[in-house]
Structure formats: C-alpha cells, structure tokens
Amino acid sequence: MRFLVDECTGPSVARWLKEQGHDVFSVYEESRGAEDDFLLSKANSDGRILVTNDKEFGEKVVWEGKPHKGVIILRLRDERTENKIRVLRYLLERHAEELEGNLVIATETSVRIIRFKK
C-alpha cells in the first residue's frame, strides 16, 4: 500500500510501514511544516492513504468534501510510537481492504469507518 505519514504521527511510524514493505512518504523527513491542504492534495494525487493524528483532516474530507485516497486518523490516549504501530498493525491485519478511499478513525479499542462512494 501507499501511505503519506503526517509529521505529527512521526518518522518511526513511517519507517515501520516501510519495513513492512509499503511505499511511504514521510512528511517529517521530506516536507516538514507543510500545510494540511497541501498534504491532503499530495496524498490524493500520489494515490496515498494519509496517516495522521490530526482530526482536522476528517473535517476536510467529510465537511469540505476534499478529494482523498483514504485517511486514517489515530485518536489515541497513548501517543507513544509503539502504540501507534500496534494500532496500525491491527488496521492492516483486520481492515486493509477498507482503508483505501475511506475515512478510518482508530483508537486503542475501536475502529470507525466512514465509507465514501468510489
């Protein structure tokens, strides 16, 4: 899969996804400080699922109707890298086919998927 990992999610998460064989653009390493609209547009044009901790991306795709290839929002109480990776691993193992084109909001205990017409 192709991912764009937001700066707030961190370079360790991006590296872990790369180690799992995914094609990853790390905002922290390659485009630090970029605006949210630019990142959402880049992810869409590059065919990447955006991985972020920033709930504003949900507002952009739901309320503003911004085009996207998929957005994963991690809404975690424990923001440590290990926990982010644990939740992403679960998403990839159990919900991989539902990530593309949808908004996925994941916590430590739940996954909510808002489906968009393809």
C-alpha atoms as a PDB file:
ATOM      1  CA  MET A   1       0.000   0.000   0.000  1.00  0.00           C
ATOM      2  CA  ARG A   2       0.981   3.617  -0.454  1.00  0.00           C
ATOM      3  CA  PHE A   3       0.938   5.927   2.580  1.00  0.00           C
ATOM      4  CA  LEU A   4       1.679   9.533   3.410  1.00  0.00           C
ATOM      5  CA  VAL A   5       2.567   9.719   7.110  1.00  0.00           C
ATOM      6  CA  ASP A   6       1.891  13.116   8.663  1.00  0.00           C
ATOM      7  CA  GLU A   7       4.590  14.884  10.636  1.00  0.00           C
ATOM      8  CA  CYS A   8       2.631  14.562  13.907  1.00  0.00           C
ATOM      9  CA  THR A   9       2.455  10.782  13.500  1.00  0.00           C
ATOM     10  CA  GLY A  10       6.225  10.623  13.324  1.00  0.00           C
ATOM     11  CA  PRO A  11       9.178   9.241  11.406  1.00  0.00           C
ATOM     12  CA  SER A  12       9.307   5.990  13.394  1.00  0.00           C
ATOM     13  CA  VAL A  13       5.825   5.053  12.217  1.00  0.00           C
ATOM     14  CA  ALA A  14       6.833   5.872   8.633  1.00  0.00           C
ATOM     15  CA  ARG A  15       9.943   3.706   8.955  1.00  0.00           C
ATOM     16  CA  TRP A  16       7.913   0.825  10.393  1.00  0.00           C
ATOM     17  CA  LEU A  17       5.480   0.978   7.462  1.00  0.00           C
ATOM     18  CA  LYS A  18       8.443   0.959   5.055  1.00  0.00           C
ATOM     19  CA  GLU A  19       9.869  -2.075   6.851  1.00  0.00           C
ATOM     20  CA  GLN A  20       6.521  -3.801   6.277  1.00  0.00           C
ATOM     21  CA  GLY A  21       7.014  -3.304   2.529  1.00  0.00           C
ATOM     22  CA  HIS A  22       4.785  -0.285   1.996  1.00  0.00           C
ATOM     23  CA  ASP A  23       5.582   2.719  -0.195  1.00  0.00           C
ATOM     24  CA  VAL A  24       5.757   5.628   2.282  1.00  0.00           C
ATOM     25  CA  PHE A  25       6.167   9.383   2.026  1.00  0.00           C
ATOM     26  CA  SER A  26       7.208  10.739   5.450  1.00  0.00           C
ATOM     27  CA  VAL A  27       6.219  14.368   5.948  1.00  0.00           C
ATOM     28  CA  TYR A  28       8.610  14.604   8.907  1.00  0.00           C
ATOM     29  CA  GLU A  29      11.556  13.569   6.747  1.00  0.00           C
ATOM     30  CA  GLU A  30      10.582  15.064   3.387  1.00  0.00           C
ATOM     31  CA  SER A  31       8.207  18.019   3.794  1.00  0.00           C
ATOM     32  CA  ARG A  32       8.267  19.253   7.383  1.00  0.00           C
ATOM     33  CA  GLY A  33       5.930  22.151   8.116  1.00  0.00           C
ATOM     34  CA  ALA A  34       3.715  21.639   5.060  1.00  0.00           C
ATOM     35  CA  GLU A  35       0.128  22.889   5.233  1.00  0.00           C
ATOM     36  CA  ASP A  36      -2.704  20.403   5.718  1.00  0.00           C
ATOM     37  CA  ASP A  37      -4.396  21.228   2.399  1.00  0.00           C
ATOM     38  CA  PHE A  38      -1.124  20.638   0.549  1.00  0.00           C
ATOM     39  CA  LEU A  39      -0.615  17.279   2.298  1.00  0.00           C
ATOM     40  CA  LEU A  40      -4.138  16.071   1.571  1.00  0.00           C
ATOM     41  CA  SER A  41      -3.780  17.109  -2.060  1.00  0.00           C
ATOM     42  CA  LYS A  42      -0.360  15.457  -2.349  1.00  0.00           C
ATOM     43  CA  ALA A  43      -1.618  12.229  -0.804  1.00  0.00           C
ATOM     44  CA  ASN A  44      -4.555  12.209  -3.209  1.00  0.00           C
ATOM     45  CA  SER A  45      -2.516  12.979  -6.327  1.00  0.00           C
ATOM     46  CA  ASP A  46       0.122  10.397  -5.356  1.00  0.00           C
ATOM     47  CA  GLY A  47      -2.502   7.732  -4.601  1.00  0.00           C
ATOM     48  CA  ARG A  48      -1.536   7.549  -0.926  1.00  0.00           C
ATOM     49  CA  ILE A  49      -3.575   6.932   2.215  1.00  0.00           C
ATOM     50  CA  LEU A  50      -2.907   9.718   4.705  1.00  0.00           C
ATOM     51  CA  VAL A  51      -1.982   8.573   8.229  1.00  0.00           C
ATOM     52  CA  THR A  52      -2.332  11.311  10.849  1.00  0.00           C
ATOM     53  CA  ASN A  53      -3.183  12.169  14.440  1.00  0.00           C
ATOM     54  CA  ASP A  54      -4.844  15.412  13.292  1.00  0.00           C
ATOM     55  CA  LYS A  55      -8.657  15.225  13.392  1.00  0.00           C
ATOM     56  CA  GLU A  56      -8.927  18.293  11.141  1.00  0.00           C
ATOM     57  CA  PHE A  57      -8.275  16.016   8.148  1.00  0.00           C
ATOM     58  CA  GLY A  58     -11.563  14.300   8.940  1.00  0.00           C
ATOM     59  CA  GLU A  59     -13.342  17.638   8.741  1.00  0.00           C
ATOM     60  CA  LYS A  60     -11.664  18.367   5.420  1.00  0.00           C
ATOM     61  CA  VAL A  61     -12.837  15.146   3.771  1.00  0.00           C
ATOM     62  CA  VAL A  62     -16.293  14.922   5.394  1.00  0.00           C
ATOM     63  CA  TRP A  63     -17.481  18.523   5.653  1.00  0.00           C
ATOM     64  CA  GLU A  64     -15.414  20.227   2.960  1.00  0.00           C
ATOM     65  CA  GLY A  65     -15.587  17.304   0.527  1.00  0.00           C
ATOM     66  CA  LYS A  66     -11.862  17.395  -0.243  1.00  0.00           C
ATOM     67  CA  PRO A  67     -10.768  14.558  -2.545  1.00  0.00           C
ATOM     68  CA  HIS A  68      -8.671  11.816  -0.967  1.00  0.00           C
ATOM     69  CA  LYS A  69      -7.453   8.244  -1.425  1.00  0.00           C
ATOM     70  CA  GLY A  70      -8.134   7.429   2.209  1.00  0.00           C
ATOM     71  CA  VAL A  71      -7.425   8.950   5.602  1.00  0.00           C
ATOM     72  CA  ILE A  72      -6.511   7.149   8.821  1.00  0.00           C
ATOM     73  CA  ILE A  73      -6.850   9.267  11.953  1.00  0.00           C
ATOM     74  CA  LEU A  74      -5.227   7.869  15.076  1.00  0.00           C
ATOM     75  CA  ARG A  75      -7.138   9.185  18.117  1.00  0.00           C
ATOM     76  CA  LEU A  76      -5.003   7.627  20.817  1.00  0.00           C
ATOM     77  CA  ARG A  77      -4.696   8.247  24.537  1.00  0.00           C
ATOM     78  CA  ASP A  78      -1.192   6.785  24.447  1.00  0.00           C
ATOM     79  CA  GLU A  79       0.757   8.678  21.777  1.00  0.00           C
ATOM     80  CA  ARG A  80       3.913   6.608  22.074  1.00  0.00           C
ATOM     81  CA  THR A  81       5.270   5.201  18.832  1.00  0.00           C
ATOM     82  CA  GLU A  82       4.800   1.604  19.950  1.00  0.00           C
ATOM     83  CA  ASN A  83       1.094   2.182  20.495  1.00  0.00           C
ATOM     84  CA  LYS A  84       0.658   3.902  17.119  1.00  0.00           C
ATOM     85  CA  ILE A  85       2.350   0.937  15.449  1.00  0.00           C
ATOM     86  CA  ARG A  86       0.207  -1.548  17.393  1.00  0.00           C
ATOM     87  CA  VAL A  87      -2.993   0.158  16.223  1.00  0.00           C
ATOM     88  CA  LEU A  88      -1.757   0.429  12.617  1.00  0.00           C
ATOM     89  CA  ARG A  89      -0.740  -3.243  12.642  1.00  0.00           C
ATOM     90  CA  TYR A  90      -4.272  -4.139  13.749  1.00  0.00           C
ATOM     91  CA  LEU A  91      -5.770  -1.970  10.977  1.00  0.00           C
ATOM     92  CA  LEU A  92      -3.559  -3.570   8.337  1.00  0.00           C
ATOM     93  CA  GLU A  93      -4.330  -7.091   9.564  1.00  0.00           C
ATOM     94  CA  ARG A  94      -8.089  -6.665  10.014  1.00  0.00           C
ATOM     95  CA  HIS A  95      -9.191  -3.759   7.819  1.00  0.00           C
ATOM     96  CA  ALA A  96      -6.678  -3.435   4.952  1.00  0.00           C
ATOM     97  CA  GLU A  97      -9.350  -3.764   2.267  1.00  0.00           C
ATOM     98  CA  GLU A  98     -11.355  -0.930   3.860  1.00  0.00           C
ATOM     99  CA  LEU A  99      -8.596   1.678   4.139  1.00  0.00           C
ATOM    100  CA  GLU A 100      -8.461   2.931   0.584  1.00  0.00           C
ATOM    101  CA  GLY A 101     -10.980   5.639  -0.206  1.00  0.00           C
ATOM    102  CA  ASN A 102     -12.471   5.814   3.281  1.00  0.00           C
ATOM    103  CA  LEU A 103     -12.009   7.761   6.498  1.00  0.00           C
ATOM    104  CA  VAL A 104     -10.847   5.471   9.303  1.00  0.00           C
ATOM    105  CA  ILE A 105     -10.812   6.702  12.884  1.00  0.00           C
ATOM    106  CA  ALA A 106      -8.931   4.349  15.177  1.00  0.00           C
ATOM    107  CA  THR A 107      -8.500   4.320  18.932  1.00  0.00           C
ATOM    108  CA  GLU A 108      -6.910   1.711  21.148  1.00  0.00           C
ATOM    109  CA  THR A 109     -10.268  -0.051  21.443  1.00  0.00           C
ATOM    110  CA  SER A 110     -12.325   0.814  18.365  1.00  0.00           C
ATOM    111  CA  VAL A 111     -12.293   1.369  14.636  1.00  0.00           C
ATOM    112  CA  ARG A 112     -14.853   3.588  12.914  1.00  0.00           C
ATOM    113  CA  ILE A 113     -15.003   3.569   9.125  1.00  0.00           C
ATOM    114  CA  ILE A 114     -16.796   6.276   7.186  1.00  0.00           C
ATOM    115  CA  ARG A 115     -17.244   4.972   3.676  1.00  0.00           C
ATOM    116  CA  PHE A 116     -17.195   7.179   0.621  1.00  0.00           C
ATOM    117  CA  LYS A 117     -18.623   6.269  -2.773  1.00  0.00           C
ATOM    118  CA  LYS A 118     -15.953   5.056  -5.148  1.00  0.00           C
END
